[in-house]
Amino acid sequence: MPKYNKLVRDKVPRLISSEQRNCSVRKLNGSELMMALRKKMLEEAKEFERAGDMDELADILEVIYAYLKAKGIEFSEIGANQDE
């Protein structure tokens, strides 16, 4: 079985299983999760740079939401950290 070592959405393993294929997953926590989310953000930003479409922008936003959730931060708090 190929090894991908990729951060995936929760539903991806179920989709793979529904196609009668096997996969193994490991839940990341703490600093390991934060590192994986930062890496995923860069990956998605590069894809947006290449494609420039809304799907890639939505992927970036999804990573932002996941990062904030892992840090226990509300999305509304981001505005307080923006430069005016």
PDB file of N, CA and C in Angstrom:
ATOM      1  N   MET A   1       0.848  -1.172   0.000  1.00  0.00           N
ATOM      2  CA  MET A   1       0.000   0.000   0.000  1.00  0.00           C
ATOM      3  C   MET A   1       0.900   1.244   0.000  1.00  0.00           C
ATOM      4  N   PRO A   2       0.617   2.237  -0.875  1.00  0.00           N
ATOM      5  CA  PRO A   2       1.419   3.455  -0.890  1.00  0.00           C
ATOM      6  C   PRO A   2       1.291   4.222   0.425  1.00  0.00           C
ATOM      7  N   LYS A   3       2.314   4.961   0.780  1.00  0.00           N
ATOM      8  CA  LYS A   3       2.293   5.765   1.991  1.00  0.00           C
ATOM      9  C   LYS A   3       2.333   7.229   1.577  1.00  0.00           C
ATOM     10  N   TYR A   4       1.336   8.014   2.016  1.00  0.00           N
ATOM     11  CA  TYR A   4       1.232   9.403   1.592  1.00  0.00           C
ATOM     12  C   TYR A   4       1.617  10.409   2.659  1.00  0.00           C
ATOM     13  N   ASN A   5       1.450  10.093   3.930  1.00  0.00           N
ATOM     14  CA  ASN A   5       1.772  11.029   5.009  1.00  0.00           C
ATOM     15  C   ASN A   5       1.179  12.405   4.752  1.00  0.00           C
ATOM     16  N   LYS A   6      -0.128  12.439   4.556  1.00  0.00           N
ATOM     17  CA  LYS A   6      -0.814  13.692   4.261  1.00  0.00           C
ATOM     18  C   LYS A   6      -1.856  13.991   5.318  1.00  0.00           C
ATOM     19  N   LEU A   7      -2.032  15.264   5.574  1.00  0.00           N
ATOM     20  CA  LEU A   7      -3.104  15.716   6.438  1.00  0.00           C
ATOM     21  C   LEU A   7      -4.384  15.670   5.609  1.00  0.00           C
ATOM     22  N   VAL A   8      -5.401  14.976   6.102  1.00  0.00           N
ATOM     23  CA  VAL A   8      -6.640  14.815   5.330  1.00  0.00           C
ATOM     24  C   VAL A   8      -7.840  15.234   6.159  1.00  0.00           C
ATOM     25  N   ARG A   9      -8.908  15.557   5.455  1.00  0.00           N
ATOM     26  CA  ARG A   9     -10.172  15.868   6.112  1.00  0.00           C
ATOM     27  C   ARG A   9     -10.728  14.582   6.720  1.00  0.00           C
ATOM     28  N   ASP A  10     -11.584  14.750   7.713  1.00  0.00           N
ATOM     29  CA  ASP A  10     -12.141  13.600   8.427  1.00  0.00           C
ATOM     30  C   ASP A  10     -12.873  12.623   7.523  1.00  0.00           C
ATOM     31  N   LYS A  11     -13.521  13.111   6.470  1.00  0.00           N
ATOM     32  CA  LYS A  11     -14.351  12.246   5.636  1.00  0.00           C
ATOM     33  C   LYS A  11     -13.550  11.447   4.609  1.00  0.00           C
ATOM     34  N   VAL A  12     -12.334  11.820   4.344  1.00  0.00           N
ATOM     35  CA  VAL A  12     -11.546  11.143   3.306  1.00  0.00           C
ATOM     36  C   VAL A  12     -11.360   9.653   3.608  1.00  0.00           C
ATOM     37  N   PRO A  13     -10.980   9.257   4.815  1.00  0.00           N
ATOM     38  CA  PRO A  13     -10.837   7.805   5.077  1.00  0.00           C
ATOM     39  C   PRO A  13     -12.140   7.037   4.846  1.00  0.00           C
ATOM     40  N   ARG A  14     -13.283   7.647   5.194  1.00  0.00           N
ATOM     41  CA  ARG A  14     -14.578   6.982   4.955  1.00  0.00           C
ATOM     42  C   ARG A  14     -14.851   6.836   3.466  1.00  0.00           C
ATOM     43  N   LEU A  15     -14.499   7.835   2.686  1.00  0.00           N
ATOM     44  CA  LEU A  15     -14.685   7.750   1.235  1.00  0.00           C
ATOM     45  C   LEU A  15     -13.824   6.638   0.646  1.00  0.00           C
ATOM     46  N   ILE A  16     -12.591   6.532   1.113  1.00  0.00           N
ATOM     47  CA  ILE A  16     -11.698   5.473   0.638  1.00  0.00           C
ATOM     48  C   ILE A  16     -12.282   4.103   0.985  1.00  0.00           C
ATOM     49  N   SER A  17     -12.739   3.963   2.211  1.00  0.00           N
ATOM     50  CA  SER A  17     -13.337   2.689   2.642  1.00  0.00           C
ATOM     51  C   SER A  17     -14.592   2.350   1.848  1.00  0.00           C
ATOM     52  N   SER A  18     -15.388   3.377   1.511  1.00  0.00           N
ATOM     53  CA  SER A  18     -16.619   3.118   0.759  1.00  0.00           C
ATOM     54  C   SER A  18     -16.320   2.612  -0.650  1.00  0.00           C
ATOM     55  N   GLU A  19     -15.114   2.846  -1.122  1.00  0.00           N
ATOM     56  CA  GLU A  19     -14.686   2.341  -2.432  1.00  0.00           C
ATOM     57  C   GLU A  19     -13.993   0.982  -2.306  1.00  0.00           C
ATOM     58  N   GLN A  20     -14.175   0.353  -1.145  1.00  0.00           N
ATOM     59  CA  GLN A  20     -13.598  -0.968  -0.870  1.00  0.00           C
ATOM     60  C   GLN A  20     -12.069  -0.961  -0.920  1.00  0.00           C
ATOM     61  N   ARG A  21     -11.477   0.175  -0.565  1.00  0.00           N
ATOM     62  CA  ARG A  21     -10.020   0.278  -0.484  1.00  0.00           C
ATOM     63  C   ARG A  21      -9.635   0.441   0.981  1.00  0.00           C
ATOM     64  N   ASN A  22      -8.406   0.113   1.298  1.00  0.00           N
ATOM     65  CA  ASN A  22      -7.923   0.197   2.672  1.00  0.00           C
ATOM     66  C   ASN A  22      -7.055   1.430   2.870  1.00  0.00           C
ATOM     67  N   CYS A  23      -7.128   1.949   4.071  1.00  0.00           N
ATOM     68  CA  CYS A  23      -6.213   3.028   4.454  1.00  0.00           C
ATOM     69  C   CYS A  23      -6.043   2.978   5.968  1.00  0.00           C
ATOM     70  N   SER A  24      -4.967   3.521   6.422  1.00  0.00           N
ATOM     71  CA  SER A  24      -4.770   3.649   7.867  1.00  0.00           C
ATOM     72  C   SER A  24      -4.560   5.125   8.173  1.00  0.00           C
ATOM     73  N   VAL A  25      -5.053   5.540   9.313  1.00  0.00           N
ATOM     74  CA  VAL A  25      -4.949   6.939   9.713  1.00  0.00           C
ATOM     75  C   VAL A  25      -4.415   7.021  11.131  1.00  0.00           C
ATOM     76  N   ARG A  26      -3.870   8.160  11.423  1.00  0.00           N
ATOM     77  CA  ARG A  26      -3.377   8.436  12.771  1.00  0.00           C
ATOM     78  C   ARG A  26      -3.785   9.857  13.107  1.00  0.00           C
ATOM     79  N   LYS A  27      -4.423  10.059  14.251  1.00  0.00           N
ATOM     80  CA  LYS A  27      -4.857  11.382  14.671  1.00  0.00           C
ATOM     81  C   LYS A  27      -3.675  12.132  15.287  1.00  0.00           C
ATOM     82  N   LEU A  28      -3.449  13.337  14.783  1.00  0.00           N
ATOM     83  CA  LEU A  28      -2.361  14.169  15.291  1.00  0.00           C
ATOM     84  C   LEU A  28      -2.876  15.075  16.398  1.00  0.00           C
ATOM     85  N   ASN A  29      -2.015  15.376  17.339  1.00  0.00           N
ATOM     86  CA  ASN A  29      -2.349  16.262  18.447  1.00  0.00           C
ATOM     87  C   ASN A  29      -1.175  17.186  18.737  1.00  0.00           C
ATOM     88  N   GLY A  30      -1.439  18.221  19.492  1.00  0.00           N
ATOM     89  CA  GLY A  30      -0.390  19.093  19.999  1.00  0.00           C
ATOM     90  C   GLY A  30       0.478  19.700  18.919  1.00  0.00           C
ATOM     91  N   SER A  31       1.771  19.753  19.199  1.00  0.00           N
ATOM     92  CA  SER A  31       2.706  20.410  18.285  1.00  0.00           C
ATOM     93  C   SER A  31       2.793  19.691  16.939  1.00  0.00           C
ATOM     94  N   GLU A  32       2.574  18.392  16.946  1.00  0.00           N
ATOM     95  CA  GLU A  32       2.599  17.627  15.697  1.00  0.00           C
ATOM     96  C   GLU A  32       1.455  18.072  14.778  1.00  0.00           C
ATOM     97  N   LEU A  33       0.274  18.293  15.340  1.00  0.00           N
ATOM     98  CA  LEU A  33      -0.868  18.782  14.570  1.00  0.00           C
ATOM     99  C   LEU A  33      -0.600  20.191  14.063  1.00  0.00           C
ATOM    100  N   MET A  34      -0.079  21.057  14.916  1.00  0.00           N
ATOM    101  CA  MET A  34       0.165  22.440  14.517  1.00  0.00           C
ATOM    102  C   MET A  34       1.189  22.503  13.373  1.00  0.00           C
ATOM    103  N   MET A  35       2.214  21.692  13.445  1.00  0.00           N
ATOM    104  CA  MET A  35       3.218  21.650  12.386  1.00  0.00           C
ATOM    105  C   MET A  35       2.595  21.166  11.073  1.00  0.00           C
ATOM    106  N   ALA A  36       1.760  20.143  11.153  1.00  0.00           N
ATOM    107  CA  ALA A  36       1.105  19.603   9.961  1.00  0.00           C
ATOM    108  C   ALA A  36       0.156  20.631   9.349  1.00  0.00           C
ATOM    109  N   LEU A  37      -0.546  21.389  10.178  1.00  0.00           N
ATOM    110  CA  LEU A  37      -1.452  22.416   9.664  1.00  0.00           C
ATOM    111  C   LEU A  37      -0.678  23.554   8.993  1.00  0.00           C
ATOM    112  N   ARG A  38       0.445  23.947   9.565  1.00  0.00           N
ATOM    113  CA  ARG A  38       1.268  24.992   8.930  1.00  0.00           C
ATOM    114  C   ARG A  38       1.803  24.510   7.585  1.00  0.00           C
ATOM    115  N   LYS A  39       2.234  23.271   7.538  1.00  0.00           N
ATOM    116  CA  LYS A  39       2.723  22.693   6.278  1.00  0.00           C
ATOM    117  C   LYS A  39       1.591  22.639   5.249  1.00  0.00           C
ATOM    118  N   LYS A  40       0.389  22.257   5.696  1.00  0.00           N
ATOM    119  CA  LYS A  40      -0.768  22.187   4.811  1.00  0.00           C
ATOM    120  C   LYS A  40      -1.133  23.570   4.283  1.00  0.00           C
ATOM    121  N   MET A  41      -1.005  24.587   5.132  1.00  0.00           N
ATOM    122  CA  MET A  41      -1.294  25.958   4.704  1.00  0.00           C
ATOM    123  C   MET A  41      -0.374  26.364   3.556  1.00  0.00           C
ATOM    124  N   LEU A  42       0.910  26.056   3.663  1.00  0.00           N
ATOM    125  CA  LEU A  42       1.850  26.378   2.587  1.00  0.00           C
ATOM    126  C   LEU A  42       1.511  25.615   1.312  1.00  0.00           C
ATOM    127  N   GLU A  43       1.155  24.335   1.459  1.00  0.00           N
ATOM    128  CA  GLU A  43       0.775  23.515   0.309  1.00  0.00           C
ATOM    129  C   GLU A  43      -0.432  24.123  -0.410  1.00  0.00           C
ATOM    130  N   GLU A  44      -1.445  24.511   0.366  1.00  0.00           N
ATOM    131  CA  GLU A  44      -2.655  25.082  -0.224  1.00  0.00           C
ATOM    132  C   GLU A  44      -2.367  26.447  -0.855  1.00  0.00           C
ATOM    133  N   ALA A  45      -1.504  27.242  -0.232  1.00  0.00           N
ATOM    134  CA  ALA A  45      -1.151  28.551  -0.796  1.00  0.00           C
ATOM    135  C   ALA A  45      -0.439  28.387  -2.137  1.00  0.00           C
ATOM    136  N   LYS A  46       0.426  27.388  -2.238  1.00  0.00           N
ATOM    137  CA  LYS A  46       1.109  27.125  -3.513  1.00  0.00           C
ATOM    138  C   LYS A  46       0.111  26.686  -4.578  1.00  0.00           C
ATOM    139  N   GLU A  47      -0.865  25.874  -4.194  1.00  0.00           N
ATOM    140  CA  GLU A  47      -1.890  25.448  -5.149  1.00  0.00           C
ATOM    141  C   GLU A  47      -2.730  26.648  -5.599  1.00  0.00           C
ATOM    142  N   PHE A  48      -3.021  27.560  -4.665  1.00  0.00           N
ATOM    143  CA  PHE A  48      -3.767  28.759  -5.023  1.00  0.00           C
ATOM    144  C   PHE A  48      -2.939  29.644  -5.962  1.00  0.00           C
ATOM    145  N   GLU A  49      -1.656  29.728  -5.707  1.00  0.00           N
ATOM    146  CA  GLU A  49      -0.777  30.523  -6.571  1.00  0.00           C
ATOM    147  C   GLU A  49      -0.818  29.989  -8.004  1.00  0.00           C
ATOM    148  N   ARG A  50      -0.800  28.662  -8.141  1.00  0.00           N
ATOM    149  CA  ARG A  50      -0.842  28.041  -9.474  1.00  0.00           C
ATOM    150  C   ARG A  50      -2.207  28.194 -10.138  1.00  0.00           C
ATOM    151  N   ALA A  51      -3.264  27.865  -9.396  1.00  0.00           N
ATOM    152  CA  ALA A  51      -4.599  27.799  -9.998  1.00  0.00           C
ATOM    153  C   ALA A  51      -5.380  29.107  -9.876  1.00  0.00           C
ATOM    154  N   GLY A  52      -5.237  29.762  -8.735  1.00  0.00           N
ATOM    155  CA  GLY A  52      -5.934  31.021  -8.508  1.00  0.00           C
ATOM    156  C   GLY A  52      -7.445  30.919  -8.475  1.00  0.00           C
ATOM    157  N   ASP A  53      -7.973  29.745  -8.143  1.00  0.00           N
ATOM    158  CA  ASP A  53      -9.428  29.606  -8.165  1.00  0.00           C
ATOM    159  C   ASP A  53     -10.031  29.532  -6.754  1.00  0.00           C
ATOM    160  N   MET A  54     -11.343  29.634  -6.718  1.00  0.00           N
ATOM    161  CA  MET A  54     -12.068  29.665  -5.450  1.00  0.00           C
ATOM    162  C   MET A  54     -11.924  28.375  -4.647  1.00  0.00           C
ATOM    163  N   ASP A  55     -11.795  27.230  -5.322  1.00  0.00           N
ATOM    164  CA  ASP A  55     -11.638  25.966  -4.606  1.00  0.00           C
ATOM    165  C   ASP A  55     -10.383  25.983  -3.745  1.00  0.00           C
ATOM    166  N   GLU A  56      -9.307  26.501  -4.301  1.00  0.00           N
ATOM    167  CA  GLU A  56      -8.055  26.557  -3.531  1.00  0.00           C
ATOM    168  C   GLU A  56      -8.158  27.574  -2.402  1.00  0.00           C
ATOM    169  N   LEU A  57      -8.850  28.670  -2.650  1.00  0.00           N
ATOM    170  CA  LEU A  57      -9.059  29.661  -1.602  1.00  0.00           C
ATOM    171  C   LEU A  57      -9.891  29.066  -0.469  1.00  0.00           C
ATOM    172  N   ALA A  58     -10.891  28.262  -0.821  1.00  0.00           N
ATOM    173  CA  ALA A  58     -11.713  27.591   0.192  1.00  0.00           C
ATOM    174  C   ALA A  58     -10.876  26.604   1.001  1.00  0.00           C
ATOM    175  N   ASP A  59      -9.923  25.930   0.346  1.00  0.00           N
ATOM    176  CA  ASP A  59      -9.030  25.004   1.061  1.00  0.00           C
ATOM    177  C   ASP A  59      -8.171  25.758   2.070  1.00  0.00           C
ATOM    178  N   ILE A  60      -7.691  26.931   1.693  1.00  0.00           N
ATOM    179  CA  ILE A  60      -6.896  27.750   2.615  1.00  0.00           C
ATOM    180  C   ILE A  60      -7.740  28.124   3.831  1.00  0.00           C
ATOM    181  N   LEU A  61      -8.968  28.558   3.585  1.00  0.00           N
ATOM    182  CA  LEU A  61      -9.853  28.939   4.680  1.00  0.00           C
ATOM    183  C   LEU A  61     -10.132  27.754   5.598  1.00  0.00           C
ATOM    184  N   GLU A  62     -10.291  26.574   5.034  1.00  0.00           N
ATOM    185  CA  GLU A  62     -10.524  25.380   5.846  1.00  0.00           C
ATOM    186  C   GLU A  62      -9.335  25.090   6.760  1.00  0.00           C
ATOM    187  N   VAL A  63      -8.125  25.278   6.249  1.00  0.00           N
ATOM    188  CA  VAL A  63      -6.935  25.076   7.079  1.00  0.00           C
ATOM    189  C   VAL A  63      -6.886  26.128   8.188  1.00  0.00           C
ATOM    190  N   ILE A  64      -7.254  27.355   7.866  1.00  0.00           N
ATOM    191  CA  ILE A  64      -7.284  28.410   8.885  1.00  0.00           C
ATOM    192  C   ILE A  64      -8.263  28.038   9.999  1.00  0.00           C
ATOM    193  N   TYR A  65      -9.459  27.593   9.624  1.00  0.00           N
ATOM    194  CA  TYR A  65     -10.443  27.178  10.634  1.00  0.00           C
ATOM    195  C   TYR A  65      -9.906  26.033  11.496  1.00  0.00           C
ATOM    196  N   ALA A  66      -9.260  25.053  10.880  1.00  0.00           N
ATOM    197  CA  ALA A  66      -8.716  23.917  11.631  1.00  0.00           C
ATOM    198  C   ALA A  66      -7.625  24.372  12.592  1.00  0.00           C
ATOM    199  N   TYR A  67      -6.779  25.290  12.130  1.00  0.00           N
ATOM    200  CA  TYR A  67      -5.685  25.810  12.976  1.00  0.00           C
ATOM    201  C   TYR A  67      -6.268  26.552  14.182  1.00  0.00           C
ATOM    202  N   LEU A  68      -7.232  27.427  13.926  1.00  0.00           N
ATOM    203  CA  LEU A  68      -7.846  28.181  15.016  1.00  0.00           C
ATOM    204  C   LEU A  68      -8.535  27.251  16.017  1.00  0.00           C
ATOM    205  N   LYS A  69      -9.236  26.245  15.513  1.00  0.00           N
ATOM    206  CA  LYS A  69      -9.910  25.289  16.397  1.00  0.00           C
ATOM    207  C   LYS A  69      -8.893  24.568  17.279  1.00  0.00           C
ATOM    208  N   ALA A  70      -7.788  24.141  16.679  1.00  0.00           N
ATOM    209  CA  ALA A  70      -6.747  23.428  17.441  1.00  0.00           C
ATOM    210  C   ALA A  70      -6.126  24.325  18.506  1.00  0.00           C
ATOM    211  N   LYS A  71      -6.083  25.624  18.239  1.00  0.00           N
ATOM    212  CA  LYS A  71      -5.511  26.577  19.203  1.00  0.00           C
ATOM    213  C   LYS A  71      -6.549  27.109  20.186  1.00  0.00           C
ATOM    214  N   GLY A  72      -7.833  26.766  19.958  1.00  0.00           N
ATOM    215  CA  GLY A  72      -8.888  27.255  20.839  1.00  0.00           C
ATOM    216  C   GLY A  72      -9.192  28.730  20.630  1.00  0.00           C
ATOM    217  N   ILE A  73      -9.065  29.196  19.402  1.00  0.00           N
ATOM    218  CA  ILE A  73      -9.286  30.600  19.064  1.00  0.00           C
ATOM    219  C   ILE A  73     -10.528  30.716  18.184  1.00  0.00           C
ATOM    220  N   GLU A  74     -11.353  31.707  18.466  1.00  0.00           N
ATOM    221  CA  GLU A  74     -12.534  31.986  17.646  1.00  0.00           C
ATOM    222  C   GLU A  74     -12.109  32.751  16.400  1.00  0.00           C
ATOM    223  N   PHE A  75     -12.752  32.460  15.266  1.00  0.00           N
ATOM    224  CA  PHE A  75     -12.440  33.134  14.010  1.00  0.00           C
ATOM    225  C   PHE A  75     -12.574  34.653  14.161  1.00  0.00           C
ATOM    226  N   SER A  76     -13.553  35.099  14.920  1.00  0.00           N
ATOM    227  CA  SER A  76     -13.793  36.530  15.120  1.00  0.00           C
ATOM    228  C   SER A  76     -12.623  37.235  15.791  1.00  0.00           C
ATOM    229  N   GLU A  77     -11.774  36.494  16.476  1.00  0.00           N
ATOM    230  CA  GLU A  77     -10.620  37.082  17.167  1.00  0.00           C
ATOM    231  C   GLU A  77      -9.520  37.513  16.194  1.00  0.00           C
ATOM    232  N   ILE A  78      -9.549  37.026  14.977  1.00  0.00           N
ATOM    233  CA  ILE A  78      -8.503  37.356  14.010  1.00  0.00           C
ATOM    234  C   ILE A  78      -8.484  38.853  13.752  1.00  0.00           C
ATOM    235  N   GLY A  79      -9.651  39.465  13.617  1.00  0.00           N
ATOM    236  CA  GLY A  79      -9.733  40.897  13.340  1.00  0.00           C
ATOM    237  C   GLY A  79      -8.984  41.743  14.341  1.00  0.00           C
ATOM    238  N   ALA A  80      -8.965  41.325  15.596  1.00  0.00           N
ATOM    239  CA  ALA A  80      -8.280  42.085  16.634  1.00  0.00           C
ATOM    240  C   ALA A  80      -6.769  42.105  16.420  1.00  0.00           C
ATOM    241  N   ASN A  81      -6.260  41.156  15.618  1.00  0.00           N
ATOM    242  CA  ASN A  81      -4.824  41.070  15.391  1.00  0.00           C
ATOM    243  C   ASN A  81      -4.385  41.683  14.055  1.00  0.00           C
ATOM    244  N   GLN A  82      -5.348  42.196  13.283  1.00  0.00           N
ATOM    245  CA  GLN A  82      -5.010  42.798  12.001  1.00  0.00           C
ATOM    246  C   GLN A  82      -4.524  44.223  12.196  1.00  0.00           C
ATOM    247  N   ASP A  83      -3.572  44.625  11.370  1.00  0.00           N
ATOM    248  CA  ASP A  83      -3.114  46.012  11.371  1.00  0.00           C
ATOM    249  C   ASP A  83      -4.186  46.864  10.710  1.00  0.00           C
ATOM    250  N   GLU A  84      -4.419  48.024  11.250  1.00  0.00           N
ATOM    251  CA  GLU A  84      -5.413  48.920  10.643  1.00  0.00           C
ATOM    252  C   GLU A  84      -4.775  49.836   9.653  1.00  0.00           C
TER     253      GLU A  84
END
